[in-house]
Amino acid sequence: KEKAKQVATKLLEKKLAEVKEAEKKIRFFITDIAK
């Protein structure tokens, strides 16, 4: 199970970083409009 978890984490690492970056762009966009 530990090895499977490591493999899954490695496979999803890039996609999770892209999702976080997309969420960050939305927050900064909303902040800019609000300011």
Full PDB file with SEQRES, HELIX, SHEET, SSBOND, CRYST1, ORIGX, SCALE, CONECT and MASTER records, all heavy atoms in Angstrom:
SEQRES   1 A   35  LYS GLU LYS ALA LYS GLN VAL ALA THR LYS LEU LEU GLU          
SEQRES   2 A   35  LYS LYS LEU ALA GLU VAL LYS GLU ALA GLU LYS LYS ILE          
SEQRES   3 A   35  ARG PHE PHE ILE THR ASP ILE ALA LYS                          
HELIX    1 AA1 GLU A    2  ALA A   34  1                                  33    
CRYST1    1.000    1.000    1.000  90.00  90.00  90.00 P 1           1          
ORIGX1      1.000000  0.000000  0.000000        0.00000                         
ORIGX2      0.000000  1.000000  0.000000        0.00000                         
ORIGX3      0.000000  0.000000  1.000000        0.00000                         
SCALE1      1.000000  0.000000  0.000000        0.00000                         
SCALE2      0.000000  1.000000  0.000000        0.00000                         
SCALE3      0.000000  0.000000  1.000000        0.00000                         
ATOM      1  N   LYS A   1       0.840  -1.206   0.000  1.00  0.00           N  
ATOM      2  CA  LYS A   1       0.000   0.000   0.000  1.00  0.00           C  
ATOM      3  C   LYS A   1       0.873   1.253   0.000  1.00  0.00           C  
ATOM      4  O   LYS A   1       0.553   2.242  -0.658  1.00  0.00           O  
ATOM      5  CB  LYS A   1      -0.917   0.018   1.223  1.00  0.00           C  
ATOM      6  CG  LYS A   1      -2.090  -0.906   1.124  1.00  0.00           C  
ATOM      7  CD  LYS A   1      -2.989  -0.724   2.325  1.00  0.00           C  
ATOM      8  CE  LYS A   1      -4.171  -1.647   2.255  1.00  0.00           C  
ATOM      9  NZ  LYS A   1      -5.074  -1.468   3.400  1.00  0.00           N  
ATOM     10  N   GLU A   2       1.956   1.199   0.748  1.00  0.00           N  
ATOM     11  CA  GLU A   2       2.856   2.353   0.823  1.00  0.00           C  
ATOM     12  C   GLU A   2       3.475   2.662  -0.535  1.00  0.00           C  
ATOM     13  O   GLU A   2       3.535   3.809  -0.954  1.00  0.00           O  
ATOM     14  CB  GLU A   2       3.959   2.103   1.866  1.00  0.00           C  
ATOM     15  CG  GLU A   2       4.852   3.295   2.113  1.00  0.00           C  
ATOM     16  CD  GLU A   2       4.094   4.525   2.621  1.00  0.00           C  
ATOM     17  OE1 GLU A   2       3.130   4.374   3.380  1.00  0.00           O  
ATOM     18  OE2 GLU A   2       4.489   5.630   2.224  1.00  0.00           O  
ATOM     19  N   LYS A   3       3.892   1.649  -1.248  1.00  0.00           N  
ATOM     20  CA  LYS A   3       4.488   1.843  -2.575  1.00  0.00           C  
ATOM     21  C   LYS A   3       3.431   2.377  -3.553  1.00  0.00           C  
ATOM     22  O   LYS A   3       3.717   3.271  -4.357  1.00  0.00           O  
ATOM     23  CB  LYS A   3       5.075   0.525  -3.088  1.00  0.00           C  
ATOM     24  CG  LYS A   3       5.847   0.651  -4.368  1.00  0.00           C  
ATOM     25  CD  LYS A   3       7.068   1.523  -4.188  1.00  0.00           C  
ATOM     26  CE  LYS A   3       7.913   1.531  -5.440  1.00  0.00           C  
ATOM     27  NZ  LYS A   3       9.044   2.426  -5.333  1.00  0.00           N  
ATOM     28  N   ALA A   4       2.215   1.849  -3.474  1.00  0.00           N  
ATOM     29  CA  ALA A   4       1.125   2.323  -4.334  1.00  0.00           C  
ATOM     30  C   ALA A   4       0.828   3.799  -4.046  1.00  0.00           C  
ATOM     31  O   ALA A   4       0.606   4.592  -4.965  1.00  0.00           O  
ATOM     32  CB  ALA A   4      -0.127   1.478  -4.123  1.00  0.00           C  
ATOM     33  N   LYS A   5       0.847   4.164  -2.776  1.00  0.00           N  
ATOM     34  CA  LYS A   5       0.607   5.553  -2.391  1.00  0.00           C  
ATOM     35  C   LYS A   5       1.711   6.459  -2.933  1.00  0.00           C  
ATOM     36  O   LYS A   5       1.435   7.548  -3.439  1.00  0.00           O  
ATOM     37  CB  LYS A   5       0.533   5.659  -0.866  1.00  0.00           C  
ATOM     38  CG  LYS A   5       0.192   7.023  -0.371  1.00  0.00           C  
ATOM     39  CD  LYS A   5       0.075   7.035   1.148  1.00  0.00           C  
ATOM     40  CE  LYS A   5      -0.212   8.422   1.648  1.00  0.00           C  
ATOM     41  NZ  LYS A   5      -0.339   8.467   3.110  1.00  0.00           N  
ATOM     42  N   GLN A   6       2.950   6.014  -2.865  1.00  0.00           N  
ATOM     43  CA  GLN A   6       4.079   6.787  -3.388  1.00  0.00           C  
ATOM     44  C   GLN A   6       3.950   7.003  -4.900  1.00  0.00           C  
ATOM     45  O   GLN A   6       4.177   8.097  -5.406  1.00  0.00           O  
ATOM     46  CB  GLN A   6       5.397   6.084  -3.079  1.00  0.00           C  
ATOM     47  CG  GLN A   6       5.811   6.133  -1.639  1.00  0.00           C  
ATOM     48  CD  GLN A   6       7.050   5.294  -1.363  1.00  0.00           C  
ATOM     49  OE1 GLN A   6       7.540   4.575  -2.226  1.00  0.00           O  
ATOM     50  NE2 GLN A   6       7.550   5.397  -0.145  1.00  0.00           N  
ATOM     51  N   VAL A   7       3.558   5.964  -5.610  1.00  0.00           N  
ATOM     52  CA  VAL A   7       3.399   6.046  -7.057  1.00  0.00           C  
ATOM     53  C   VAL A   7       2.259   7.008  -7.408  1.00  0.00           C  
ATOM     54  O   VAL A   7       2.405   7.869  -8.283  1.00  0.00           O  
ATOM     55  CB  VAL A   7       3.158   4.644  -7.670  1.00  0.00           C  
ATOM     56  CG1 VAL A   7       2.746   4.753  -9.130  1.00  0.00           C  
ATOM     57  CG2 VAL A   7       4.408   3.783  -7.532  1.00  0.00           C  
ATOM     58  N   ALA A   8       1.131   6.876  -6.731  1.00  0.00           N  
ATOM     59  CA  ALA A   8      -0.018   7.742  -6.986  1.00  0.00           C  
ATOM     60  C   ALA A   8       0.319   9.202  -6.686  1.00  0.00           C  
ATOM     61  O   ALA A   8      -0.024  10.101  -7.453  1.00  0.00           O  
ATOM     62  CB  ALA A   8      -1.218   7.290  -6.148  1.00  0.00           C  
ATOM     63  N   THR A   9       1.014   9.431  -5.588  1.00  0.00           N  
ATOM     64  CA  THR A   9       1.414  10.789  -5.224  1.00  0.00           C  
ATOM     65  C   THR A   9       2.329  11.380  -6.288  1.00  0.00           C  
ATOM     66  O   THR A   9       2.162  12.534  -6.695  1.00  0.00           O  
ATOM     67  CB  THR A   9       2.122  10.787  -3.851  1.00  0.00           C  
ATOM     68  OG1 THR A   9       1.222  10.279  -2.875  1.00  0.00           O  
ATOM     69  CG2 THR A   9       2.554  12.186  -3.454  1.00  0.00           C  
ATOM     70  N   LYS A  10       3.263  10.594  -6.753  1.00  0.00           N  
ATOM     71  CA  LYS A  10       4.197  11.059  -7.778  1.00  0.00           C  
ATOM     72  C   LYS A  10       3.459  11.382  -9.078  1.00  0.00           C  
ATOM     73  O   LYS A  10       3.741  12.390  -9.732  1.00  0.00           O  
ATOM     74  CB  LYS A  10       5.275   9.998  -8.020  1.00  0.00           C  
ATOM     75  CG  LYS A  10       6.399  10.445  -8.895  1.00  0.00           C  
ATOM     76  CD  LYS A  10       7.207  11.517  -8.211  1.00  0.00           C  
ATOM     77  CE  LYS A  10       8.398  11.895  -9.065  1.00  0.00           C  
ATOM     78  NZ  LYS A  10       9.070  13.075  -8.583  1.00  0.00           N  
ATOM     79  N   LEU A  11       2.497  10.552  -9.449  1.00  0.00           N  
ATOM     80  CA  LEU A  11       1.740  10.775 -10.678  1.00  0.00           C  
ATOM     81  C   LEU A  11       0.863  12.026 -10.599  1.00  0.00           C  
ATOM     82  O   LEU A  11       0.681  12.729 -11.586  1.00  0.00           O  
ATOM     83  CB  LEU A  11       0.874   9.552 -11.001  1.00  0.00           C  
ATOM     84  CG  LEU A  11       1.618   8.293 -11.441  1.00  0.00           C  
ATOM     85  CD1 LEU A  11       0.658   7.114 -11.533  1.00  0.00           C  
ATOM     86  CD2 LEU A  11       2.317   8.517 -12.774  1.00  0.00           C  
ATOM     87  N   LEU A  12       0.327  12.303  -9.426  1.00  0.00           N  
ATOM     88  CA  LEU A  12      -0.597  13.419  -9.256  1.00  0.00           C  
ATOM     89  C   LEU A  12       0.086  14.730  -8.858  1.00  0.00           C  
ATOM     90  O   LEU A  12      -0.536  15.784  -8.879  1.00  0.00           O  
ATOM     91  CB  LEU A  12      -1.652  13.078  -8.211  1.00  0.00           C  
ATOM     92  CG  LEU A  12      -2.648  11.989  -8.605  1.00  0.00           C  
ATOM     93  CD1 LEU A  12      -3.557  11.664  -7.436  1.00  0.00           C  
ATOM     94  CD2 LEU A  12      -3.456  12.421  -9.802  1.00  0.00           C  
ATOM     95  N   GLU A  13       1.349  14.661  -8.520  1.00  0.00           N  
ATOM     96  CA  GLU A  13       2.078  15.820  -8.018  1.00  0.00           C  
ATOM     97  C   GLU A  13       1.983  17.035  -8.956  1.00  0.00           C  
ATOM     98  O   GLU A  13       1.642  18.140  -8.535  1.00  0.00           O  
ATOM     99  CB  GLU A  13       3.546  15.429  -7.825  1.00  0.00           C  
ATOM    100  CG  GLU A  13       4.307  16.251  -6.850  1.00  0.00           C  
ATOM    101  CD  GLU A  13       5.659  15.611  -6.577  1.00  0.00           C  
ATOM    102  OE1 GLU A  13       6.558  15.761  -7.416  1.00  0.00           O  
ATOM    103  OE2 GLU A  13       5.798  14.971  -5.524  1.00  0.00           O  
ATOM    104  N   LYS A  14       2.250  16.838 -10.219  1.00  0.00           N  
ATOM    105  CA  LYS A  14       2.228  17.929 -11.184  1.00  0.00           C  
ATOM    106  C   LYS A  14       0.812  18.482 -11.344  1.00  0.00           C  
ATOM    107  O   LYS A  14       0.599  19.696 -11.384  1.00  0.00           O  
ATOM    108  CB  LYS A  14       2.759  17.452 -12.532  1.00  0.00           C  
ATOM    109  CG  LYS A  14       2.829  18.538 -13.569  1.00  0.00           C  
ATOM    110  CD  LYS A  14       3.379  18.043 -14.885  1.00  0.00           C  
ATOM    111  CE  LYS A  14       3.347  19.146 -15.925  1.00  0.00           C  
ATOM    112  NZ  LYS A  14       3.668  18.684 -17.253  1.00  0.00           N  
ATOM    113  N   LYS A  15      -0.180  17.598 -11.434  1.00  0.00           N  
ATOM    114  CA  LYS A  15      -1.568  18.023 -11.609  1.00  0.00           C  
ATOM    115  C   LYS A  15      -2.050  18.817 -10.390  1.00  0.00           C  
ATOM    116  O   LYS A  15      -2.715  19.840 -10.534  1.00  0.00           O  
ATOM    117  CB  LYS A  15      -2.463  16.800 -11.835  1.00  0.00           C  
ATOM    118  CG  LYS A  15      -3.891  17.125 -12.171  1.00  0.00           C  
ATOM    119  CD  LYS A  15      -4.059  17.954 -13.413  1.00  0.00           C  
ATOM    120  CE  LYS A  15      -3.887  17.135 -14.645  1.00  0.00           C  
ATOM    121  NZ  LYS A  15      -4.080  17.896 -15.879  1.00  0.00           N  
ATOM    122  N   LEU A  16      -1.687  18.378  -9.185  1.00  0.00           N  
ATOM    123  CA  LEU A  16      -2.085  19.104  -7.979  1.00  0.00           C  
ATOM    124  C   LEU A  16      -1.445  20.491  -7.938  1.00  0.00           C  
ATOM    125  O   LEU A  16      -2.084  21.462  -7.527  1.00  0.00           O  
ATOM    126  CB  LEU A  16      -1.703  18.305  -6.729  1.00  0.00           C  
ATOM    127  CG  LEU A  16      -2.531  17.040  -6.494  1.00  0.00           C  
ATOM    128  CD1 LEU A  16      -1.980  16.253  -5.310  1.00  0.00           C  
ATOM    129  CD2 LEU A  16      -3.986  17.375  -6.266  1.00  0.00           C  
ATOM    130  N   ALA A  17      -0.213  20.602  -8.383  1.00  0.00           N  
ATOM    131  CA  ALA A  17       0.454  21.900  -8.440  1.00  0.00           C  
ATOM    132  C   ALA A  17      -0.252  22.821  -9.434  1.00  0.00           C  
ATOM    133  O   ALA A  17      -0.421  24.015  -9.174  1.00  0.00           O  
ATOM    134  CB  ALA A  17       1.921  21.723  -8.818  1.00  0.00           C  
ATOM    135  N   GLU A  18      -0.695  22.269 -10.568  1.00  0.00           N  
ATOM    136  CA  GLU A  18      -1.424  23.059 -11.563  1.00  0.00           C  
ATOM    137  C   GLU A  18      -2.763  23.537 -11.009  1.00  0.00           C  
ATOM    138  O   GLU A  18      -3.172  24.678 -11.245  1.00  0.00           O  
ATOM    139  CB  GLU A  18      -1.651  22.243 -12.834  1.00  0.00           C  
ATOM    140  CG  GLU A  18      -0.388  21.986 -13.629  1.00  0.00           C  
ATOM    141  CD  GLU A  18      -0.610  21.048 -14.815  1.00  0.00           C  
ATOM    142  OE1 GLU A  18      -1.757  20.576 -15.006  1.00  0.00           O  
ATOM    143  OE2 GLU A  18       0.359  20.777 -15.515  1.00  0.00           O  
ATOM    144  N   VAL A  19      -3.456  22.679 -10.270  1.00  0.00           N  
ATOM    145  CA  VAL A  19      -4.743  23.043  -9.666  1.00  0.00           C  
ATOM    146  C   VAL A  19      -4.542  24.167  -8.647  1.00  0.00           C  
ATOM    147  O   VAL A  19      -5.286  25.153  -8.638  1.00  0.00           O  
ATOM    148  CB  VAL A  19      -5.410  21.809  -9.009  1.00  0.00           C  
ATOM    149  CG1 VAL A  19      -6.592  22.227  -8.136  1.00  0.00           C  
ATOM    150  CG2 VAL A  19      -5.854  20.821 -10.071  1.00  0.00           C  
ATOM    151  N   LYS A  20      -3.515  24.043  -7.799  1.00  0.00           N  
ATOM    152  CA  LYS A  20      -3.243  25.083  -6.806  1.00  0.00           C  
ATOM    153  C   LYS A  20      -2.911  26.405  -7.479  1.00  0.00           C  
ATOM    154  O   LYS A  20      -3.339  27.468  -7.037  1.00  0.00           O  
ATOM    155  CB  LYS A  20      -2.102  24.656  -5.881  1.00  0.00           C  
ATOM    156  CG  LYS A  20      -2.514  23.648  -4.854  1.00  0.00           C  
ATOM    157  CD  LYS A  20      -1.387  23.331  -3.909  1.00  0.00           C  
ATOM    158  CE  LYS A  20      -1.843  22.317  -2.874  1.00  0.00           C  
ATOM    159  NZ  LYS A  20      -0.817  22.032  -1.886  1.00  0.00           N  
ATOM    160  N   GLU A  21      -2.140  26.358  -8.557  1.00  0.00           N  
ATOM    161  CA  GLU A  21      -1.783  27.581  -9.289  1.00  0.00           C  
ATOM    162  C   GLU A  21      -3.022  28.218  -9.912  1.00  0.00           C  
ATOM    163  O   GLU A  21      -3.179  29.441  -9.879  1.00  0.00           O  
ATOM    164  CB  GLU A  21      -0.740  27.268 -10.364  1.00  0.00           C  
ATOM    165  CG  GLU A  21      -0.242  28.479 -11.108  1.00  0.00           C  
ATOM    166  CD  GLU A  21       0.467  29.502 -10.240  1.00  0.00           C  
ATOM    167  OE1 GLU A  21       1.040  29.133  -9.191  1.00  0.00           O  
ATOM    168  OE2 GLU A  21       0.442  30.691 -10.606  1.00  0.00           O  
ATOM    169  N   ALA A  22      -3.927  27.411 -10.449  1.00  0.00           N  
ATOM    170  CA  ALA A  22      -5.168  27.940 -11.036  1.00  0.00           C  
ATOM    171  C   ALA A  22      -6.032  28.597  -9.960  1.00  0.00           C  
ATOM    172  O   ALA A  22      -6.601  29.670 -10.179  1.00  0.00           O  
ATOM    173  CB  ALA A  22      -5.939  26.825 -11.741  1.00  0.00           C  
ATOM    174  N   GLU A  23      -6.133  27.964  -8.793  1.00  0.00           N  
ATOM    175  CA  GLU A  23      -6.898  28.543  -7.683  1.00  0.00           C  
ATOM    176  C   GLU A  23      -6.274  29.858  -7.226  1.00  0.00           C  
ATOM    177  O   GLU A  23      -6.983  30.819  -6.931  1.00  0.00           O  
ATOM    178  CB  GLU A  23      -6.961  27.560  -6.517  1.00  0.00           C  
ATOM    179  CG  GLU A  23      -7.827  26.348  -6.808  1.00  0.00           C  
ATOM    180  CD  GLU A  23      -7.706  25.261  -5.749  1.00  0.00           C  
ATOM    181  OE1 GLU A  23      -6.795  25.341  -4.875  1.00  0.00           O  
ATOM    182  OE2 GLU A  23      -8.514  24.320  -5.792  1.00  0.00           O  
ATOM    183  N   LYS A  24      -4.956  29.900  -7.189  1.00  0.00           N  
ATOM    184  CA  LYS A  24      -4.239  31.109  -6.789  1.00  0.00           C  
ATOM    185  C   LYS A  24      -4.518  32.253  -7.766  1.00  0.00           C  
ATOM    186  O   LYS A  24      -4.757  33.390  -7.350  1.00  0.00           O  
ATOM    187  CB  LYS A  24      -2.737  30.812  -6.739  1.00  0.00           C  
ATOM    188  CG  LYS A  24      -1.881  31.961  -6.317  1.00  0.00           C  
ATOM    189  CD  LYS A  24      -0.416  31.503  -6.277  1.00  0.00           C  
ATOM    190  CE  LYS A  24       0.529  32.672  -6.191  1.00  0.00           C  
ATOM    191  NZ  LYS A  24       1.924  32.242  -6.245  1.00  0.00           N  
ATOM    192  N   LYS A  25      -4.537  31.952  -9.058  1.00  0.00           N  
ATOM    193  CA  LYS A  25      -4.817  32.979 -10.061  1.00  0.00           C  
ATOM    194  C   LYS A  25      -6.213  33.555  -9.878  1.00  0.00           C  
ATOM    195  O   LYS A  25      -6.425  34.763 -10.024  1.00  0.00           O  
ATOM    196  CB  LYS A  25      -4.652  32.417 -11.473  1.00  0.00           C  
ATOM    197  CG  LYS A  25      -3.205  32.240 -11.871  1.00  0.00           C  
ATOM    198  CD  LYS A  25      -3.092  31.706 -13.274  1.00  0.00           C  
ATOM    199  CE  LYS A  25      -1.624  31.525 -13.645  1.00  0.00           C  
ATOM    200  NZ  LYS A  25      -1.454  30.991 -14.989  1.00  0.00           N  
ATOM    201  N   ILE A  26      -7.186  32.700  -9.558  1.00  0.00           N  
ATOM    202  CA  ILE A  26      -8.558  33.167  -9.319  1.00  0.00           C  
ATOM    203  C   ILE A  26      -8.583  34.091  -8.106  1.00  0.00           C  
ATOM    204  O   ILE A  26      -9.166  35.176  -8.151  1.00  0.00           O  
ATOM    205  CB  ILE A  26      -9.528  31.980  -9.135  1.00  0.00           C  
ATOM    206  CG1 ILE A  26      -9.681  31.215 -10.456  1.00  0.00           C  
ATOM    207  CG2 ILE A  26     -10.884  32.462  -8.625  1.00  0.00           C  
ATOM    208  CD1 ILE A  26     -10.392  29.891 -10.326  1.00  0.00           C  
ATOM    209  N   ARG A  27      -7.937  33.674  -6.993  1.00  0.00           N  
ATOM    210  CA  ARG A  27      -7.929  34.503  -5.783  1.00  0.00           C  
ATOM    211  C   ARG A  27      -7.283  35.869  -6.037  1.00  0.00           C  
ATOM    212  O   ARG A  27      -7.783  36.892  -5.591  1.00  0.00           O  
ATOM    213  CB  ARG A  27      -7.220  33.779  -4.645  1.00  0.00           C  
ATOM    214  CG  ARG A  27      -8.041  32.669  -4.031  1.00  0.00           C  
ATOM    215  CD  ARG A  27      -7.461  32.194  -2.722  1.00  0.00           C  
ATOM    216  NE  ARG A  27      -6.090  31.732  -2.841  1.00  0.00           N  
ATOM    217  CZ  ARG A  27      -5.724  30.495  -3.151  1.00  0.00           C  
ATOM    218  NH1 ARG A  27      -6.636  29.581  -3.380  1.00  0.00           N  
ATOM    219  NH2 ARG A  27      -4.449  30.173  -3.229  1.00  0.00           N  
ATOM    220  N   PHE A  28      -6.159  35.884  -6.751  1.00  0.00           N  
ATOM    221  CA  PHE A  28      -5.481  37.148  -7.026  1.00  0.00           C  
ATOM    222  C   PHE A  28      -6.322  38.033  -7.946  1.00  0.00           C  
ATOM    223  O   PHE A  28      -6.344  39.256  -7.794  1.00  0.00           O  
ATOM    224  CB  PHE A  28      -4.090  36.905  -7.625  1.00  0.00           C  
ATOM    225  CG  PHE A  28      -3.038  36.660  -6.575  1.00  0.00           C  
ATOM    226  CD1 PHE A  28      -2.866  35.404  -6.022  1.00  0.00           C  
ATOM    227  CD2 PHE A  28      -2.233  37.695  -6.136  1.00  0.00           C  
ATOM    228  CE1 PHE A  28      -1.904  35.171  -5.055  1.00  0.00           C  
ATOM    229  CE2 PHE A  28      -1.262  37.481  -5.168  1.00  0.00           C  
ATOM    230  CZ  PHE A  28      -1.097  36.217  -4.616  1.00  0.00           C  
ATOM    231  N   PHE A  29      -7.022  37.429  -8.899  1.00  0.00           N  
ATOM    232  CA  PHE A  29      -7.896  38.178  -9.795  1.00  0.00           C  
ATOM    233  C   PHE A  29      -9.021  38.842  -9.002  1.00  0.00           C  
ATOM    234  O   PHE A  29      -9.304  40.031  -9.174  1.00  0.00           O  
ATOM    235  CB  PHE A  29      -8.452  37.254 -10.880  1.00  0.00           C  
ATOM    236  CG  PHE A  29      -9.421  37.909 -11.812  1.00  0.00           C  
ATOM    237  CD1 PHE A  29      -8.995  38.857 -12.727  1.00  0.00           C  
ATOM    238  CD2 PHE A  29     -10.761  37.579 -11.776  1.00  0.00           C  
ATOM    239  CE1 PHE A  29      -9.888  39.471 -13.587  1.00  0.00           C  
ATOM    240  CE2 PHE A  29     -11.662  38.182 -12.639  1.00  0.00           C  
ATOM    241  CZ  PHE A  29     -11.222  39.136 -13.541  1.00  0.00           C  
ATOM    242  N   ILE A  30      -9.673  38.088  -8.115  1.00  0.00           N  
ATOM    243  CA  ILE A  30     -10.759  38.617  -7.294  1.00  0.00           C  
ATOM    244  C   ILE A  30     -10.226  39.718  -6.378  1.00  0.00           C  
ATOM    245  O   ILE A  30     -10.856  40.764  -6.205  1.00  0.00           O  
ATOM    246  CB  ILE A  30     -11.428  37.495  -6.463  1.00  0.00           C  
ATOM    247  CG1 ILE A  30     -12.017  36.407  -7.373  1.00  0.00           C  
ATOM    248  CG2 ILE A  30     -12.492  38.073  -5.520  1.00  0.00           C  
ATOM    249  CD1 ILE A  30     -12.935  36.899  -8.446  1.00  0.00           C  
ATOM    250  N   THR A  31      -9.063  39.502  -5.796  1.00  0.00           N  
ATOM    251  CA  THR A  31      -8.455  40.499  -4.918  1.00  0.00           C  
ATOM    252  C   THR A  31      -8.197  41.799  -5.670  1.00  0.00           C  
ATOM    253  O   THR A  31      -8.471  42.890  -5.162  1.00  0.00           O  
ATOM    254  CB  THR A  31      -7.141  39.964  -4.324  1.00  0.00           C  
ATOM    255  OG1 THR A  31      -7.422  38.770  -3.589  1.00  0.00           O  
ATOM    256  CG2 THR A  31      -6.491  40.983  -3.396  1.00  0.00           C  
ATOM    257  N   ASP A  32      -7.692  41.687  -6.878  1.00  0.00           N  
ATOM    258  CA  ASP A  32      -7.411  42.871  -7.684  1.00  0.00           C  
ATOM    259  C   ASP A  32      -8.686  43.665  -7.959  1.00  0.00           C  
ATOM    260  O   ASP A  32      -8.713  44.890  -7.811  1.00  0.00           O  
ATOM    261  CB  ASP A  32      -6.736  42.457  -8.993  1.00  0.00           C  
ATOM    262  CG  ASP A  32      -6.279  43.647  -9.805  1.00  0.00           C  
ATOM    263  OD1 ASP A  32      -5.568  44.509  -9.254  1.00  0.00           O  
ATOM    264  OD2 ASP A  32      -6.632  43.715 -10.993  1.00  0.00           O  
ATOM    265  N   ILE A  33      -9.754  42.975  -8.333  1.00  0.00           N  
ATOM    266  CA  ILE A  33     -11.037  43.650  -8.578  1.00  0.00           C  
ATOM    267  C   ILE A  33     -11.535  44.311  -7.293  1.00  0.00           C  
ATOM    268  O   ILE A  33     -11.977  45.457  -7.298  1.00  0.00           O  
ATOM    269  CB  ILE A  33     -12.100  42.666  -9.108  1.00  0.00           C  
ATOM    270  CG1 ILE A  33     -11.707  42.136 -10.480  1.00  0.00           C  
ATOM    271  CG2 ILE A  33     -13.467  43.335  -9.189  1.00  0.00           C  
ATOM    272  CD1 ILE A  33     -12.608  41.019 -10.965  1.00  0.00           C  
ATOM    273  N   ALA A  34     -11.452  43.588  -6.176  1.00  0.00           N  
ATOM    274  CA  ALA A  34     -11.939  44.118  -4.902  1.00  0.00           C  
ATOM    275  C   ALA A  34     -11.151  45.359  -4.496  1.00  0.00           C  
ATOM    276  O   ALA A  34     -11.731  46.359  -4.062  1.00  0.00           O  
ATOM    277  CB  ALA A  34     -11.841  43.046  -3.819  1.00  0.00           C  
ATOM    278  N   LYS A  35      -9.842  45.316  -4.659  1.00  0.00           N  
ATOM    279  CA  LYS A  35      -9.012  46.462  -4.285  1.00  0.00           C  
ATOM    280  C   LYS A  35      -9.334  47.683  -5.131  1.00  0.00           C  
ATOM    281  O   LYS A  35      -9.367  48.806  -4.621  1.00  0.00           O  
ATOM    282  CB  LYS A  35      -7.534  46.103  -4.416  1.00  0.00           C  
ATOM    283  CG  LYS A  35      -7.037  45.175  -3.313  1.00  0.00           C  
ATOM    284  CD  LYS A  35      -5.621  44.725  -3.556  1.00  0.00           C  
ATOM    285  CE  LYS A  35      -4.649  45.846  -3.392  1.00  0.00           C  
ATOM    286  NZ  LYS A  35      -3.249  45.407  -3.517  1.00  0.00           N  
TER     287      LYS A  35                                                      
MASTER        0    0    0    1    0    0    0    6  286    1    0    3          
END                                                                             
